[in-house]
Amino acid sequence: NLVRERYNGNFGYFNVNTHINPTN
């Protein structure tokens, strides 16, 4: 956590995404 906050402060990142698996 010390390293995590050293690099990224108190932020928690996320994104809005969609997966496509063209073939199995």
mmCIF file of all heavy atoms, coordinates in Angstrom:
data_MODEL
# 
_entry.id   MODEL 
# 
loop_
_atom_site.group_PDB 
_atom_site.id 
_atom_site.type_symbol 
_atom_site.label_atom_id 
_atom_site.label_alt_id 
_atom_site.label_comp_id 
_atom_site.label_asym_id 
_atom_site.label_entity_id 
_atom_site.label_seq_id 
_atom_site.pdbx_PDB_ins_code 
_atom_site.Cartn_x 
_atom_site.Cartn_y 
_atom_site.Cartn_z 
_atom_site.occupancy 
_atom_site.B_iso_or_equiv 
_atom_site.pdbx_formal_charge 
_atom_site.auth_seq_id 
_atom_site.auth_comp_id 
_atom_site.auth_asym_id 
_atom_site.auth_atom_id 
_atom_site.pdbx_PDB_model_num 
ATOM 1   N N   . ASN A 1 1  ? 0.823   -1.207  0.000   1.00 0.00 ? 1  ASN A N   1 
ATOM 2   C CA  . ASN A 1 1  ? 0.000   0.000   0.000   1.00 0.00 ? 1  ASN A CA  1 
ATOM 3   C C   . ASN A 1 1  ? 0.858   1.257   0.000   1.00 0.00 ? 1  ASN A C   1 
ATOM 4   O O   . ASN A 1 1  ? 0.506   2.262   -0.621  1.00 0.00 ? 1  ASN A O   1 
ATOM 5   C CB  . ASN A 1 1  ? -0.933  -0.002  1.213   1.00 0.00 ? 1  ASN A CB  1 
ATOM 6   C CG  . ASN A 1 1  ? -1.976  1.082   1.135   1.00 0.00 ? 1  ASN A CG  1 
ATOM 7   O OD1 . ASN A 1 1  ? -2.760  1.126   0.201   1.00 0.00 ? 1  ASN A OD1 1 
ATOM 8   N ND2 . ASN A 1 1  ? -1.982  1.988   2.102   1.00 0.00 ? 1  ASN A ND2 1 
ATOM 9   N N   . LEU A 1 2  ? 1.992   1.189   0.678   1.00 0.00 ? 2  LEU A N   1 
ATOM 10  C CA  . LEU A 1 2  ? 2.930   2.314   0.666   1.00 0.00 ? 2  LEU A CA  1 
ATOM 11  C C   . LEU A 1 2  ? 3.373   2.617   -0.764  1.00 0.00 ? 2  LEU A C   1 
ATOM 12  O O   . LEU A 1 2  ? 3.380   3.779   -1.205  1.00 0.00 ? 2  LEU A O   1 
ATOM 13  C CB  . LEU A 1 2  ? 4.141   1.990   1.542   1.00 0.00 ? 2  LEU A CB  1 
ATOM 14  C CG  . LEU A 1 2  ? 5.296   2.994   1.519   1.00 0.00 ? 2  LEU A CG  1 
ATOM 15  C CD1 . LEU A 1 2  ? 4.859   4.304   2.164   1.00 0.00 ? 2  LEU A CD1 1 
ATOM 16  C CD2 . LEU A 1 2  ? 6.510   2.424   2.254   1.00 0.00 ? 2  LEU A CD2 1 
ATOM 17  N N   . VAL A 1 3  ? 3.736   1.572   -1.502  1.00 0.00 ? 3  VAL A N   1 
ATOM 18  C CA  . VAL A 1 3  ? 4.185   1.755   -2.884  1.00 0.00 ? 3  VAL A CA  1 
ATOM 19  C C   . VAL A 1 3  ? 3.022   2.203   -3.764  1.00 0.00 ? 3  VAL A C   1 
ATOM 20  O O   . VAL A 1 3  ? 3.160   3.111   -4.594  1.00 0.00 ? 3  VAL A O   1 
ATOM 21  C CB  . VAL A 1 3  ? 4.803   0.453   -3.426  1.00 0.00 ? 3  VAL A CB  1 
ATOM 22  C CG1 . VAL A 1 3  ? 5.202   0.619   -4.890  1.00 0.00 ? 3  VAL A CG1 1 
ATOM 23  C CG2 . VAL A 1 3  ? 6.010   0.051   -2.584  1.00 0.00 ? 3  VAL A CG2 1 
ATOM 24  N N   . ARG A 1 4  ? 1.880   1.581   -3.564  1.00 0.00 ? 4  ARG A N   1 
ATOM 25  C CA  . ARG A 1 4  ? 0.685   1.921   -4.351  1.00 0.00 ? 4  ARG A CA  1 
ATOM 26  C C   . ARG A 1 4  ? 0.340   3.403   -4.217  1.00 0.00 ? 4  ARG A C   1 
ATOM 27  O O   . ARG A 1 4  ? 0.061   4.092   -5.192  1.00 0.00 ? 4  ARG A O   1 
ATOM 28  C CB  . ARG A 1 4  ? -0.475  1.052   -3.877  1.00 0.00 ? 4  ARG A CB  1 
ATOM 29  C CG  . ARG A 1 4  ? -1.809  1.348   -4.518  1.00 0.00 ? 4  ARG A CG  1 
ATOM 30  C CD  . ARG A 1 4  ? -2.830  1.713   -3.434  1.00 0.00 ? 4  ARG A CD  1 
ATOM 31  N NE  . ARG A 1 4  ? -4.165  1.759   -3.984  1.00 0.00 ? 4  ARG A NE  1 
ATOM 32  C CZ  . ARG A 1 4  ? -4.697  2.808   -4.604  1.00 0.00 ? 4  ARG A CZ  1 
ATOM 33  N NH1 . ARG A 1 4  ? -4.000  3.915   -4.763  1.00 0.00 ? 4  ARG A NH1 1 
ATOM 34  N NH2 . ARG A 1 4  ? -5.915  2.769   -5.058  1.00 0.00 ? 4  ARG A NH2 1 
ATOM 35  N N   . GLU A 1 5  ? 0.362   3.911   -2.990  1.00 0.00 ? 5  GLU A N   1 
ATOM 36  C CA  . GLU A 1 5  ? 0.015   5.318   -2.778  1.00 0.00 ? 5  GLU A CA  1 
ATOM 37  C C   . GLU A 1 5  ? 1.143   6.242   -3.220  1.00 0.00 ? 5  GLU A C   1 
ATOM 38  O O   . GLU A 1 5  ? 0.894   7.379   -3.625  1.00 0.00 ? 5  GLU A O   1 
ATOM 39  C CB  . GLU A 1 5  ? -0.358  5.536   -1.315  1.00 0.00 ? 5  GLU A CB  1 
ATOM 40  C CG  . GLU A 1 5  ? -1.647  4.809   -0.947  1.00 0.00 ? 5  GLU A CG  1 
ATOM 41  C CD  . GLU A 1 5  ? -2.152  5.129   0.442   1.00 0.00 ? 5  GLU A CD  1 
ATOM 42  O OE1 . GLU A 1 5  ? -1.429  5.808   1.204   1.00 0.00 ? 5  GLU A OE1 1 
ATOM 43  O OE2 . GLU A 1 5  ? -3.269  4.687   0.767   1.00 0.00 ? 5  GLU A OE2 1 
ATOM 44  N N   . ARG A 1 6  ? 2.360   5.761   -3.185  1.00 0.00 ? 6  ARG A N   1 
ATOM 45  C CA  . ARG A 1 6  ? 3.481   6.551   -3.690  1.00 0.00 ? 6  ARG A CA  1 
ATOM 46  C C   . ARG A 1 6  ? 3.308   6.813   -5.185  1.00 0.00 ? 6  ARG A C   1 
ATOM 47  O O   . ARG A 1 6  ? 3.611   7.893   -5.679  1.00 0.00 ? 6  ARG A O   1 
ATOM 48  C CB  . ARG A 1 6  ? 4.790   5.795   -3.433  1.00 0.00 ? 6  ARG A CB  1 
ATOM 49  C CG  . ARG A 1 6  ? 6.056   6.499   -3.905  1.00 0.00 ? 6  ARG A CG  1 
ATOM 50  C CD  . ARG A 1 6  ? 7.262   5.594   -3.702  1.00 0.00 ? 6  ARG A CD  1 
ATOM 51  N NE  . ARG A 1 6  ? 7.532   5.356   -2.296  1.00 0.00 ? 6  ARG A NE  1 
ATOM 52  C CZ  . ARG A 1 6  ? 8.241   4.326   -1.826  1.00 0.00 ? 6  ARG A CZ  1 
ATOM 53  N NH1 . ARG A 1 6  ? 8.724   3.420   -2.677  1.00 0.00 ? 6  ARG A NH1 1 
ATOM 54  N NH2 . ARG A 1 6  ? 8.461   4.179   -0.541  1.00 0.00 ? 6  ARG A NH2 1 
ATOM 55  N N   . TYR A 1 7  ? 2.817   5.803   -5.922  1.00 0.00 ? 7  TYR A N   1 
ATOM 56  C CA  . TYR A 1 7  ? 2.676   5.924   -7.369  1.00 0.00 ? 7  TYR A CA  1 
ATOM 57  C C   . TYR A 1 7  ? 1.338   6.538   -7.785  1.00 0.00 ? 7  TYR A C   1 
ATOM 58  O O   . TYR A 1 7  ? 1.266   7.265   -8.768  1.00 0.00 ? 7  TYR A O   1 
ATOM 59  C CB  . TYR A 1 7  ? 2.790   4.551   -8.032  1.00 0.00 ? 7  TYR A CB  1 
ATOM 60  C CG  . TYR A 1 7  ? 4.159   3.914   -7.962  1.00 0.00 ? 7  TYR A CG  1 
ATOM 61  C CD1 . TYR A 1 7  ? 4.334   2.603   -8.366  1.00 0.00 ? 7  TYR A CD1 1 
ATOM 62  C CD2 . TYR A 1 7  ? 5.272   4.605   -7.502  1.00 0.00 ? 7  TYR A CD2 1 
ATOM 63  C CE1 . TYR A 1 7  ? 5.586   1.994   -8.319  1.00 0.00 ? 7  TYR A CE1 1 
ATOM 64  C CE2 . TYR A 1 7  ? 6.510   4.016   -7.440  1.00 0.00 ? 7  TYR A CE2 1 
ATOM 65  C CZ  . TYR A 1 7  ? 6.662   2.716   -7.845  1.00 0.00 ? 7  TYR A CZ  1 
ATOM 66  O OH  . TYR A 1 7  ? 7.892   2.124   -7.788  1.00 0.00 ? 7  TYR A OH  1 
ATOM 67  N N   . ASN A 1 8  ? 0.254   6.211   -7.086  1.00 0.00 ? 8  ASN A N   1 
ATOM 68  C CA  . ASN A 1 8  ? -1.080  6.565   -7.561  1.00 0.00 ? 8  ASN A CA  1 
ATOM 69  C C   . ASN A 1 8  ? -1.961  7.265   -6.530  1.00 0.00 ? 8  ASN A C   1 
ATOM 70  O O   . ASN A 1 8  ? -3.175  7.350   -6.722  1.00 0.00 ? 8  ASN A O   1 
ATOM 71  C CB  . ASN A 1 8  ? -1.791  5.303   -8.076  1.00 0.00 ? 8  ASN A CB  1 
ATOM 72  C CG  . ASN A 1 8  ? -1.175  4.797   -9.357  1.00 0.00 ? 8  ASN A CG  1 
ATOM 73  O OD1 . ASN A 1 8  ? -1.346  5.383   -10.413 1.00 0.00 ? 8  ASN A OD1 1 
ATOM 74  N ND2 . ASN A 1 8  ? -0.417  3.705   -9.267  1.00 0.00 ? 8  ASN A ND2 1 
ATOM 75  N N   . GLY A 1 9  ? -1.358  7.720   -5.451  1.00 0.00 ? 9  GLY A N   1 
ATOM 76  C CA  . GLY A 1 9  ? -2.124  8.467   -4.465  1.00 0.00 ? 9  GLY A CA  1 
ATOM 77  C C   . GLY A 1 9  ? -3.285  7.660   -3.927  1.00 0.00 ? 9  GLY A C   1 
ATOM 78  O O   . GLY A 1 9  ? -3.162  6.466   -3.652  1.00 0.00 ? 9  GLY A O   1 
ATOM 79  N N   . ASN A 1 10 ? -4.432  8.304   -3.801  1.00 0.00 ? 10 ASN A N   1 
ATOM 80  C CA  . ASN A 1 10 ? -5.608  7.645   -3.242  1.00 0.00 ? 10 ASN A CA  1 
ATOM 81  C C   . ASN A 1 10 ? -6.644  7.320   -4.313  1.00 0.00 ? 10 ASN A C   1 
ATOM 82  O O   . ASN A 1 10 ? -7.807  7.081   -4.011  1.00 0.00 ? 10 ASN A O   1 
ATOM 83  C CB  . ASN A 1 10 ? -6.247  8.554   -2.170  1.00 0.00 ? 10 ASN A CB  1 
ATOM 84  C CG  . ASN A 1 10 ? -7.103  7.759   -1.209  1.00 0.00 ? 10 ASN A CG  1 
ATOM 85  O OD1 . ASN A 1 10 ? -6.805  6.613   -0.892  1.00 0.00 ? 10 ASN A OD1 1 
ATOM 86  N ND2 . ASN A 1 10 ? -8.191  8.361   -0.737  1.00 0.00 ? 10 ASN A ND2 1 
ATOM 87  N N   . PHE A 1 11 ? -6.212  7.287   -5.573  1.00 0.00 ? 11 PHE A N   1 
ATOM 88  C CA  . PHE A 1 11 ? -7.146  7.039   -6.664  1.00 0.00 ? 11 PHE A CA  1 
ATOM 89  C C   . PHE A 1 11 ? -7.387  5.544   -6.869  1.00 0.00 ? 11 PHE A C   1 
ATOM 90  O O   . PHE A 1 11 ? -6.486  4.717   -6.696  1.00 0.00 ? 11 PHE A O   1 
ATOM 91  C CB  . PHE A 1 11 ? -6.623  7.637   -7.975  1.00 0.00 ? 11 PHE A CB  1 
ATOM 92  C CG  . PHE A 1 11 ? -6.487  9.134   -7.941  1.00 0.00 ? 11 PHE A CG  1 
ATOM 93  C CD1 . PHE A 1 11 ? -5.328  9.744   -8.386  1.00 0.00 ? 11 PHE A CD1 1 
ATOM 94  C CD2 . PHE A 1 11 ? -7.517  9.928   -7.471  1.00 0.00 ? 11 PHE A CD2 1 
ATOM 95  C CE1 . PHE A 1 11 ? -5.201  11.123  -8.362  1.00 0.00 ? 11 PHE A CE1 1 
ATOM 96  C CE2 . PHE A 1 11 ? -7.409  11.306  -7.439  1.00 0.00 ? 11 PHE A CE2 1 
ATOM 97  C CZ  . PHE A 1 11 ? -6.238  11.907  -7.886  1.00 0.00 ? 11 PHE A CZ  1 
ATOM 98  N N   . GLY A 1 12 ? -8.612  5.216   -7.265  1.00 0.00 ? 12 GLY A N   1 
ATOM 99  C CA  . GLY A 1 12 ? -8.967  3.874   -7.700  1.00 0.00 ? 12 GLY A CA  1 
ATOM 100 C C   . GLY A 1 12 ? -9.521  3.971   -9.104  1.00 0.00 ? 12 GLY A C   1 
ATOM 101 O O   . GLY A 1 12 ? -10.580 4.575   -9.322  1.00 0.00 ? 12 GLY A O   1 
ATOM 102 N N   . TYR A 1 13 ? -8.826  3.420   -10.078 1.00 0.00 ? 13 TYR A N   1 
ATOM 103 C CA  . TYR A 1 13 ? -9.184  3.597   -11.480 1.00 0.00 ? 13 TYR A CA  1 
ATOM 104 C C   . TYR A 1 13 ? -10.131 2.501   -11.964 1.00 0.00 ? 13 TYR A C   1 
ATOM 105 O O   . TYR A 1 13 ? -10.097 1.360   -11.501 1.00 0.00 ? 13 TYR A O   1 
ATOM 106 C CB  . TYR A 1 13 ? -7.919  3.581   -12.355 1.00 0.00 ? 13 TYR A CB  1 
ATOM 107 C CG  . TYR A 1 13 ? -6.913  4.634   -11.972 1.00 0.00 ? 13 TYR A CG  1 
ATOM 108 C CD1 . TYR A 1 13 ? -5.688  4.286   -11.414 1.00 0.00 ? 13 TYR A CD1 1 
ATOM 109 C CD2 . TYR A 1 13 ? -7.200  5.984   -12.150 1.00 0.00 ? 13 TYR A CD2 1 
ATOM 110 C CE1 . TYR A 1 13 ? -4.751  5.253   -11.059 1.00 0.00 ? 13 TYR A CE1 1 
ATOM 111 C CE2 . TYR A 1 13 ? -6.280  6.955   -11.801 1.00 0.00 ? 13 TYR A CE2 1 
ATOM 112 C CZ  . TYR A 1 13 ? -5.057  6.583   -11.245 1.00 0.00 ? 13 TYR A CZ  1 
ATOM 113 O OH  . TYR A 1 13 ? -4.150  7.546   -10.893 1.00 0.00 ? 13 TYR A OH  1 
ATOM 114 N N   . PHE A 1 14 ? -10.964 2.874   -12.934 1.00 0.00 ? 14 PHE A N   1 
ATOM 115 C CA  . PHE A 1 14 ? -11.836 1.914   -13.617 1.00 0.00 ? 14 PHE A CA  1 
ATOM 116 C C   . PHE A 1 14 ? -12.104 2.454   -15.011 1.00 0.00 ? 14 PHE A C   1 
ATOM 117 O O   . PHE A 1 14 ? -11.833 3.626   -15.311 1.00 0.00 ? 14 PHE A O   1 
ATOM 118 C CB  . PHE A 1 14 ? -13.155 1.726   -12.857 1.00 0.00 ? 14 PHE A CB  1 
ATOM 119 C CG  . PHE A 1 14 ? -14.074 2.917   -12.919 1.00 0.00 ? 14 PHE A CG  1 
ATOM 120 C CD1 . PHE A 1 14 ? -15.086 2.986   -13.872 1.00 0.00 ? 14 PHE A CD1 1 
ATOM 121 C CD2 . PHE A 1 14 ? -13.923 3.977   -12.037 1.00 0.00 ? 14 PHE A CD2 1 
ATOM 122 C CE1 . PHE A 1 14 ? -15.922 4.096   -13.941 1.00 0.00 ? 14 PHE A CE1 1 
ATOM 123 C CE2 . PHE A 1 14 ? -14.764 5.088   -12.096 1.00 0.00 ? 14 PHE A CE2 1 
ATOM 124 C CZ  . PHE A 1 14 ? -15.767 5.148   -13.056 1.00 0.00 ? 14 PHE A CZ  1 
ATOM 125 N N   . ASN A 1 15 ? -12.617 1.587   -15.892 1.00 0.00 ? 15 ASN A N   1 
ATOM 126 C CA  . ASN A 1 15 ? -13.013 2.064   -17.209 1.00 0.00 ? 15 ASN A CA  1 
ATOM 127 C C   . ASN A 1 15 ? -14.339 1.439   -17.632 1.00 0.00 ? 15 ASN A C   1 
ATOM 128 O O   . ASN A 1 15 ? -14.852 0.528   -16.974 1.00 0.00 ? 15 ASN A O   1 
ATOM 129 C CB  . ASN A 1 15 ? -11.924 1.818   -18.258 1.00 0.00 ? 15 ASN A CB  1 
ATOM 130 C CG  . ASN A 1 15 ? -11.724 0.350   -18.595 1.00 0.00 ? 15 ASN A CG  1 
ATOM 131 O OD1 . ASN A 1 15 ? -12.068 -0.537  -17.829 1.00 0.00 ? 15 ASN A OD1 1 
ATOM 132 N ND2 . ASN A 1 15 ? -11.137 0.082   -19.745 1.00 0.00 ? 15 ASN A ND2 1 
ATOM 133 N N   . VAL A 1 16 ? -14.919 1.967   -18.695 1.00 0.00 ? 16 VAL A N   1 
ATOM 134 C CA  . VAL A 1 16 ? -16.157 1.429   -19.258 1.00 0.00 ? 16 VAL A CA  1 
ATOM 135 C C   . VAL A 1 16 ? -15.760 0.685   -20.526 1.00 0.00 ? 16 VAL A C   1 
ATOM 136 O O   . VAL A 1 16 ? -15.299 1.290   -21.492 1.00 0.00 ? 16 VAL A O   1 
ATOM 137 C CB  . VAL A 1 16 ? -17.170 2.554   -19.570 1.00 0.00 ? 16 VAL A CB  1 
ATOM 138 C CG1 . VAL A 1 16 ? -18.431 1.979   -20.209 1.00 0.00 ? 16 VAL A CG1 1 
ATOM 139 C CG2 . VAL A 1 16 ? -17.524 3.308   -18.290 1.00 0.00 ? 16 VAL A CG2 1 
ATOM 140 N N   . ASN A 1 17 ? -15.907 -0.622  -20.491 1.00 0.00 ? 17 ASN A N   1 
ATOM 141 C CA  . ASN A 1 17 ? -15.395 -1.436  -21.595 1.00 0.00 ? 17 ASN A CA  1 
ATOM 142 C C   . ASN A 1 17 ? -16.338 -2.578  -21.939 1.00 0.00 ? 17 ASN A C   1 
ATOM 143 O O   . ASN A 1 17 ? -17.260 -2.896  -21.192 1.00 0.00 ? 17 ASN A O   1 
ATOM 144 C CB  . ASN A 1 17 ? -14.003 -1.972  -21.274 1.00 0.00 ? 17 ASN A CB  1 
ATOM 145 C CG  . ASN A 1 17 ? -13.985 -2.894  -20.058 1.00 0.00 ? 17 ASN A CG  1 
ATOM 146 O OD1 . ASN A 1 17 ? -14.948 -2.989  -19.305 1.00 0.00 ? 17 ASN A OD1 1 
ATOM 147 N ND2 . ASN A 1 17 ? -12.869 -3.572  -19.853 1.00 0.00 ? 17 ASN A ND2 1 
ATOM 148 N N   . THR A 1 18 ? -16.095 -3.169  -23.080 1.00 0.00 ? 18 THR A N   1 
ATOM 149 C CA  . THR A 1 18 ? -16.840 -4.329  -23.551 1.00 0.00 ? 18 THR A CA  1 
ATOM 150 C C   . THR A 1 18 ? -15.850 -5.325  -24.152 1.00 0.00 ? 18 THR A C   1 
ATOM 151 O O   . THR A 1 18 ? -14.864 -4.921  -24.764 1.00 0.00 ? 18 THR A O   1 
ATOM 152 C CB  . THR A 1 18 ? -17.873 -3.919  -24.631 1.00 0.00 ? 18 THR A CB  1 
ATOM 153 O OG1 . THR A 1 18 ? -18.862 -3.081  -24.041 1.00 0.00 ? 18 THR A OG1 1 
ATOM 154 C CG2 . THR A 1 18 ? -18.572 -5.133  -25.228 1.00 0.00 ? 18 THR A CG2 1 
ATOM 155 N N   . HIS A 1 19 ? -16.113 -6.607  -23.934 1.00 0.00 ? 19 HIS A N   1 
ATOM 156 C CA  . HIS A 1 19 ? -15.262 -7.657  -24.483 1.00 0.00 ? 19 HIS A CA  1 
ATOM 157 C C   . HIS A 1 19 ? -15.874 -8.232  -25.758 1.00 0.00 ? 19 HIS A C   1 
ATOM 158 O O   . HIS A 1 19 ? -17.095 -8.376  -25.861 1.00 0.00 ? 19 HIS A O   1 
ATOM 159 C CB  . HIS A 1 19 ? -15.088 -8.796  -23.475 1.00 0.00 ? 19 HIS A CB  1 
ATOM 160 C CG  . HIS A 1 19 ? -14.130 -8.476  -22.368 1.00 0.00 ? 19 HIS A CG  1 
ATOM 161 N ND1 . HIS A 1 19 ? -13.258 -9.403  -21.845 1.00 0.00 ? 19 HIS A ND1 1 
ATOM 162 C CD2 . HIS A 1 19 ? -13.898 -7.336  -21.682 1.00 0.00 ? 19 HIS A CD2 1 
ATOM 163 C CE1 . HIS A 1 19 ? -12.535 -8.841  -20.889 1.00 0.00 ? 19 HIS A CE1 1 
ATOM 164 N NE2 . HIS A 1 19 ? -12.917 -7.592  -20.768 1.00 0.00 ? 19 HIS A NE2 1 
ATOM 165 N N   . ILE A 1 20 ? -15.015 -8.559  -26.691 1.00 0.00 ? 20 ILE A N   1 
ATOM 166 C CA  . ILE A 1 20 ? -15.417 -9.323  -27.877 1.00 0.00 ? 20 ILE A CA  1 
ATOM 167 C C   . ILE A 1 20 ? -14.451 -10.499 -28.008 1.00 0.00 ? 20 ILE A C   1 
ATOM 168 O O   . ILE A 1 20 ? -13.233 -10.310 -28.061 1.00 0.00 ? 20 ILE A O   1 
ATOM 169 C CB  . ILE A 1 20 ? -15.374 -8.481  -29.163 1.00 0.00 ? 20 ILE A CB  1 
ATOM 170 C CG1 . ILE A 1 20 ? -16.373 -7.320  -29.087 1.00 0.00 ? 20 ILE A CG1 1 
ATOM 171 C CG2 . ILE A 1 20 ? -15.676 -9.346  -30.384 1.00 0.00 ? 20 ILE A CG2 1 
ATOM 172 C CD1 . ILE A 1 20 ? -16.382 -6.437  -30.325 1.00 0.00 ? 20 ILE A CD1 1 
ATOM 173 N N   . ASN A 1 21 ? -14.995 -11.691 -28.042 1.00 0.00 ? 21 ASN A N   1 
ATOM 174 C CA  . ASN A 1 21 ? -14.209 -12.904 -28.293 1.00 0.00 ? 21 ASN A CA  1 
ATOM 175 C C   . ASN A 1 21 ? -14.649 -13.442 -29.651 1.00 0.00 ? 21 ASN A C   1 
ATOM 176 O O   . ASN A 1 21 ? -15.631 -14.175 -29.736 1.00 0.00 ? 21 ASN A O   1 
ATOM 177 C CB  . ASN A 1 21 ? -14.435 -13.942 -27.195 1.00 0.00 ? 21 ASN A CB  1 
ATOM 178 C CG  . ASN A 1 21 ? -14.226 -13.381 -25.792 1.00 0.00 ? 21 ASN A CG  1 
ATOM 179 O OD1 . ASN A 1 21 ? -15.135 -13.371 -24.968 1.00 0.00 ? 21 ASN A OD1 1 
ATOM 180 N ND2 . ASN A 1 21 ? -13.029 -12.884 -25.529 1.00 0.00 ? 21 ASN A ND2 1 
ATOM 181 N N   . PRO A 1 22 ? -13.949 -13.076 -30.745 1.00 0.00 ? 22 PRO A N   1 
ATOM 182 C CA  . PRO A 1 22 ? -14.452 -13.354 -32.095 1.00 0.00 ? 22 PRO A CA  1 
ATOM 183 C C   . PRO A 1 22 ? -14.699 -14.820 -32.393 1.00 0.00 ? 22 PRO A C   1 
ATOM 184 O O   . PRO A 1 22 ? -15.593 -15.156 -33.178 1.00 0.00 ? 22 PRO A O   1 
ATOM 185 C CB  . PRO A 1 22 ? -13.350 -12.784 -33.001 1.00 0.00 ? 22 PRO A CB  1 
ATOM 186 C CG  . PRO A 1 22 ? -12.671 -11.743 -32.165 1.00 0.00 ? 22 PRO A CG  1 
ATOM 187 C CD  . PRO A 1 22 ? -12.705 -12.285 -30.774 1.00 0.00 ? 22 PRO A CD  1 
ATOM 188 N N   . THR A 1 23 ? -13.898 -15.712 -31.806 1.00 0.00 ? 23 THR A N   1 
ATOM 189 C CA  . THR A 1 23 ? -14.105 -17.156 -32.007 1.00 0.00 ? 23 THR A CA  1 
ATOM 190 C C   . THR A 1 23 ? -13.563 -17.906 -30.804 1.00 0.00 ? 23 THR A C   1 
ATOM 191 O O   . THR A 1 23 ? -12.640 -17.434 -30.131 1.00 0.00 ? 23 THR A O   1 
ATOM 192 C CB  . THR A 1 23 ? -13.415 -17.648 -33.289 1.00 0.00 ? 23 THR A CB  1 
ATOM 193 O OG1 . THR A 1 23 ? -13.641 -19.071 -33.434 1.00 0.00 ? 23 THR A OG1 1 
ATOM 194 C CG2 . THR A 1 23 ? -11.915 -17.394 -33.262 1.00 0.00 ? 23 THR A CG2 1 
ATOM 195 N N   . ASN A 1 24 ? -14.147 -19.065 -30.549 1.00 0.00 ? 24 ASN A N   1 
ATOM 196 C CA  . ASN A 1 24 ? -13.608 -19.926 -29.491 1.00 0.00 ? 24 ASN A CA  1 
ATOM 197 C C   . ASN A 1 24 ? -12.904 -21.158 -30.061 1.00 0.00 ? 24 ASN A C   1 
ATOM 198 O O   . ASN A 1 24 ? -12.395 -21.989 -29.313 1.00 0.00 ? 24 ASN A O   1 
ATOM 199 C CB  . ASN A 1 24 ? -14.702 -20.354 -28.518 1.00 0.00 ? 24 ASN A CB  1 
ATOM 200 C CG  . ASN A 1 24 ? -15.795 -21.191 -29.162 1.00 0.00 ? 24 ASN A CG  1 
ATOM 201 O OD1 . ASN A 1 24 ? -15.898 -21.275 -30.387 1.00 0.00 ? 24 ASN A OD1 1 
ATOM 202 N ND2 . ASN A 1 24 ? -16.633 -21.804 -28.342 1.00 0.00 ? 24 ASN A ND2 1 
# 
